[in-house]
């Protein structure tokens, strides 16, 4: 799973990791992505981590904002 690999570079707390994983899995489910090695998964994970670093700490909001920023939602 790319989100786990990308989180290793930063000093996230267990709670922050959990929130990121929840949001990531929600987005992949909404997009119908099963293969974790799909390049879109990396894009989603990178964007979501960036959004989280900007202060979004709620998993639902994190998923919504990420989807909006990658152009899936308006």
N, C-alpha and C. Protein backbone atom coordinates (compact mmCIF):
# COMPACT_ATOMS: atom_id res chain seq x y z
N UNK A 1 0.84 -1.18 0.00
CA UNK A 1 0.00 0.00 0.00
C UNK A 1 0.89 1.24 0.00
N UNK A 2 0.72 2.14 -0.96
CA UNK A 2 1.60 3.29 -1.08
C UNK A 2 1.49 4.28 0.07
N UNK A 3 0.35 4.39 0.70
CA UNK A 3 0.20 5.37 1.78
C UNK A 3 1.15 5.03 2.93
N UNK A 4 1.29 3.76 3.24
CA UNK A 4 2.17 3.33 4.33
C UNK A 4 3.62 3.66 4.00
N UNK A 5 4.01 3.36 2.77
CA UNK A 5 5.38 3.64 2.33
C UNK A 5 5.67 5.13 2.39
N UNK A 6 4.74 5.95 1.98
CA UNK A 6 4.94 7.40 1.96
C UNK A 6 4.93 8.00 3.36
N UNK A 7 4.22 7.38 4.28
CA UNK A 7 4.16 7.91 5.64
C UNK A 7 5.45 7.65 6.41
N UNK A 8 6.27 6.71 5.95
CA UNK A 8 7.51 6.40 6.63
C UNK A 8 8.49 7.57 6.63
N UNK A 9 8.39 8.44 5.63
CA UNK A 9 9.31 9.57 5.51
C UNK A 9 9.00 10.70 6.49
N UNK A 10 7.81 10.69 7.06
CA UNK A 10 7.39 11.75 7.97
C UNK A 10 7.18 11.19 9.37
N UNK A 11 7.15 12.07 10.32
CA UNK A 11 7.01 11.67 11.71
C UNK A 11 5.55 11.79 12.14
N UNK A 12 4.69 10.89 11.65
CA UNK A 12 3.29 10.90 12.00
C UNK A 12 3.05 10.09 13.27
N UNK A 13 2.10 10.55 14.07
CA UNK A 13 1.70 9.79 15.25
C UNK A 13 0.85 8.60 14.79
N UNK A 14 0.66 7.60 15.65
CA UNK A 14 -0.23 6.49 15.29
C UNK A 14 -1.64 6.96 14.93
N UNK A 15 -2.14 7.96 15.62
CA UNK A 15 -3.48 8.50 15.32
C UNK A 15 -3.51 9.14 13.94
N UNK A 16 -2.48 9.91 13.61
CA UNK A 16 -2.41 10.54 12.29
C UNK A 16 -2.33 9.48 11.19
N UNK A 17 -1.55 8.44 11.42
CA UNK A 17 -1.44 7.34 10.45
C UNK A 17 -2.80 6.68 10.23
N UNK A 18 -3.52 6.48 11.33
CA UNK A 18 -4.83 5.85 11.25
C UNK A 18 -5.80 6.71 10.42
N UNK A 19 -5.80 8.00 10.67
CA UNK A 19 -6.66 8.92 9.93
C UNK A 19 -6.31 8.89 8.44
N UNK A 20 -5.04 8.94 8.12
CA UNK A 20 -4.61 8.90 6.72
C UNK A 20 -5.02 7.59 6.05
N UNK A 21 -4.85 6.48 6.75
CA UNK A 21 -5.23 5.19 6.19
C UNK A 21 -6.73 5.09 5.97
N UNK A 22 -7.52 5.60 6.91
CA UNK A 22 -8.98 5.59 6.75
C UNK A 22 -9.40 6.39 5.51
N UNK A 23 -8.87 7.59 5.39
CA UNK A 23 -9.21 8.45 4.26
C UNK A 23 -8.74 7.83 2.94
N UNK A 24 -7.54 7.29 2.95
CA UNK A 24 -6.98 6.67 1.74
C UNK A 24 -7.85 5.50 1.28
N UNK A 25 -8.20 4.62 2.20
CA UNK A 25 -9.03 3.47 1.85
C UNK A 25 -10.41 3.90 1.37
N UNK A 26 -10.96 4.96 1.96
CA UNK A 26 -12.26 5.48 1.53
C UNK A 26 -12.17 5.98 0.09
N UNK A 27 -11.13 6.72 -0.22
CA UNK A 27 -10.97 7.24 -1.58
C UNK A 27 -10.81 6.11 -2.59
N UNK A 28 -9.98 5.13 -2.27
CA UNK A 28 -9.78 4.03 -3.20
C UNK A 28 -11.09 3.27 -3.44
N UNK A 29 -11.87 3.11 -2.39
CA UNK A 29 -13.17 2.44 -2.52
C UNK A 29 -14.10 3.27 -3.43
N UNK A 30 -14.13 4.57 -3.22
CA UNK A 30 -14.98 5.44 -4.04
C UNK A 30 -14.56 5.44 -5.51
N UNK A 31 -13.27 5.35 -5.75
CA UNK A 31 -12.76 5.36 -7.12
C UNK A 31 -12.75 3.97 -7.76
N UNK A 32 -13.07 2.96 -6.97
CA UNK A 32 -13.09 1.59 -7.48
C UNK A 32 -11.71 1.05 -7.78
N UNK A 33 -10.72 1.55 -7.06
CA UNK A 33 -9.34 1.10 -7.27
C UNK A 33 -9.03 -0.07 -6.34
N UNK A 34 -8.56 -1.16 -6.94
CA UNK A 34 -8.23 -2.35 -6.16
C UNK A 34 -6.72 -2.55 -6.12
N UNK A 35 -6.07 -2.34 -7.25
CA UNK A 35 -4.63 -2.54 -7.35
C UNK A 35 -3.90 -1.40 -6.67
N UNK A 36 -3.24 -1.67 -5.57
CA UNK A 36 -2.53 -0.63 -4.83
C UNK A 36 -1.30 -0.13 -5.58
N UNK A 37 -0.87 -0.87 -6.60
CA UNK A 37 0.30 -0.43 -7.37
C UNK A 37 -0.10 0.46 -8.55
N UNK A 38 -1.38 0.81 -8.66
CA UNK A 38 -1.85 1.72 -9.70
C UNK A 38 -1.26 3.11 -9.44
N UNK A 39 -0.72 3.77 -10.46
CA UNK A 39 -0.12 5.10 -10.26
C UNK A 39 -1.06 6.13 -9.63
N UNK A 40 -2.36 5.99 -9.85
CA UNK A 40 -3.30 6.94 -9.25
C UNK A 40 -3.28 6.81 -7.73
N UNK A 41 -2.97 5.62 -7.21
CA UNK A 41 -2.89 5.44 -5.75
C UNK A 41 -1.77 6.29 -5.17
N UNK A 42 -0.65 6.35 -5.87
CA UNK A 42 0.46 7.20 -5.41
C UNK A 42 0.06 8.67 -5.44
N UNK A 43 -0.62 9.07 -6.50
CA UNK A 43 -1.08 10.46 -6.60
C UNK A 43 -2.02 10.80 -5.45
N UNK A 44 -2.97 9.92 -5.19
CA UNK A 44 -3.92 10.13 -4.09
C UNK A 44 -3.17 10.22 -2.77
N UNK A 45 -2.27 9.29 -2.52
CA UNK A 45 -1.54 9.27 -1.24
C UNK A 45 -0.70 10.53 -1.06
N UNK A 46 0.02 10.92 -2.08
CA UNK A 46 0.87 12.11 -1.98
C UNK A 46 0.04 13.37 -1.73
N UNK A 47 -1.06 13.52 -2.46
CA UNK A 47 -1.91 14.70 -2.30
C UNK A 47 -2.54 14.71 -0.91
N UNK A 48 -2.99 13.54 -0.46
CA UNK A 48 -3.63 13.47 0.84
C UNK A 48 -2.66 13.81 1.97
N UNK A 49 -1.46 13.34 1.90
CA UNK A 49 -0.45 13.66 2.92
C UNK A 49 -0.18 15.16 2.91
N UNK A 50 -0.09 15.76 1.74
CA UNK A 50 0.12 17.20 1.63
C UNK A 50 -1.04 17.97 2.28
N UNK A 51 -2.26 17.54 2.02
CA UNK A 51 -3.44 18.20 2.59
C UNK A 51 -3.44 18.03 4.11
N UNK A 52 -3.09 16.86 4.58
CA UNK A 52 -3.02 16.63 6.02
C UNK A 52 -1.98 17.55 6.67
N UNK A 53 -0.86 17.72 6.02
CA UNK A 53 0.18 18.60 6.55
C UNK A 53 -0.27 20.06 6.60
N UNK A 54 -1.26 20.41 5.77
CA UNK A 54 -1.80 21.77 5.79
C UNK A 54 -2.81 21.96 6.92
N UNK A 55 -3.09 20.90 7.67
CA UNK A 55 -3.93 21.05 8.85
C UNK A 55 -5.26 20.32 8.84
N UNK A 56 -5.57 19.59 7.80
CA UNK A 56 -6.83 18.84 7.77
C UNK A 56 -6.61 17.53 8.51
N UNK A 57 -7.31 17.35 9.62
CA UNK A 57 -7.07 16.18 10.47
C UNK A 57 -8.27 15.24 10.59
N UNK A 58 -9.37 15.56 9.95
CA UNK A 58 -10.55 14.70 9.97
C UNK A 58 -10.54 13.81 8.74
N UNK A 59 -10.73 12.50 8.92
CA UNK A 59 -10.63 11.55 7.81
C UNK A 59 -11.66 11.83 6.71
N UNK A 60 -12.89 12.16 7.08
CA UNK A 60 -13.94 12.43 6.09
C UNK A 60 -13.59 13.68 5.28
N UNK A 61 -13.21 14.73 5.98
CA UNK A 61 -12.83 15.98 5.29
C UNK A 61 -11.59 15.76 4.44
N UNK A 62 -10.66 15.00 4.93
CA UNK A 62 -9.43 14.73 4.20
C UNK A 62 -9.73 14.01 2.88
N UNK A 63 -10.63 13.03 2.93
CA UNK A 63 -11.01 12.31 1.72
C UNK A 63 -11.72 13.25 0.74
N UNK A 64 -12.65 14.05 1.23
CA UNK A 64 -13.40 14.96 0.37
C UNK A 64 -12.49 15.98 -0.30
N UNK A 65 -11.63 16.58 0.47
CA UNK A 65 -10.73 17.61 -0.08
C UNK A 65 -9.77 17.00 -1.09
N UNK A 66 -9.25 15.81 -0.78
CA UNK A 66 -8.35 15.14 -1.70
C UNK A 66 -9.05 14.84 -3.02
N UNK A 67 -10.25 14.30 -2.96
CA UNK A 67 -11.01 14.02 -4.17
C UNK A 67 -11.27 15.29 -4.98
N UNK A 68 -11.57 16.36 -4.29
CA UNK A 68 -11.81 17.63 -4.98
C UNK A 68 -10.52 18.14 -5.64
N UNK A 69 -9.40 18.05 -4.93
CA UNK A 69 -8.15 18.56 -5.47
C UNK A 69 -7.59 17.74 -6.62
N UNK A 70 -7.90 16.45 -6.66
CA UNK A 70 -7.41 15.65 -7.80
C UNK A 70 -8.40 15.69 -8.95
N UNK A 71 -9.49 16.45 -8.77
CA UNK A 71 -10.41 16.68 -9.86
C UNK A 71 -11.54 15.68 -10.01
N UNK A 72 -11.79 14.88 -8.97
CA UNK A 72 -12.86 13.90 -9.04
C UNK A 72 -14.20 14.50 -8.60
N UNK A 73 -14.17 15.38 -7.61
CA UNK A 73 -15.37 16.07 -7.13
C UNK A 73 -15.25 17.55 -7.44
N UNK A 74 -16.38 18.19 -7.55
CA UNK A 74 -16.39 19.64 -7.75
C UNK A 74 -16.76 20.35 -6.48
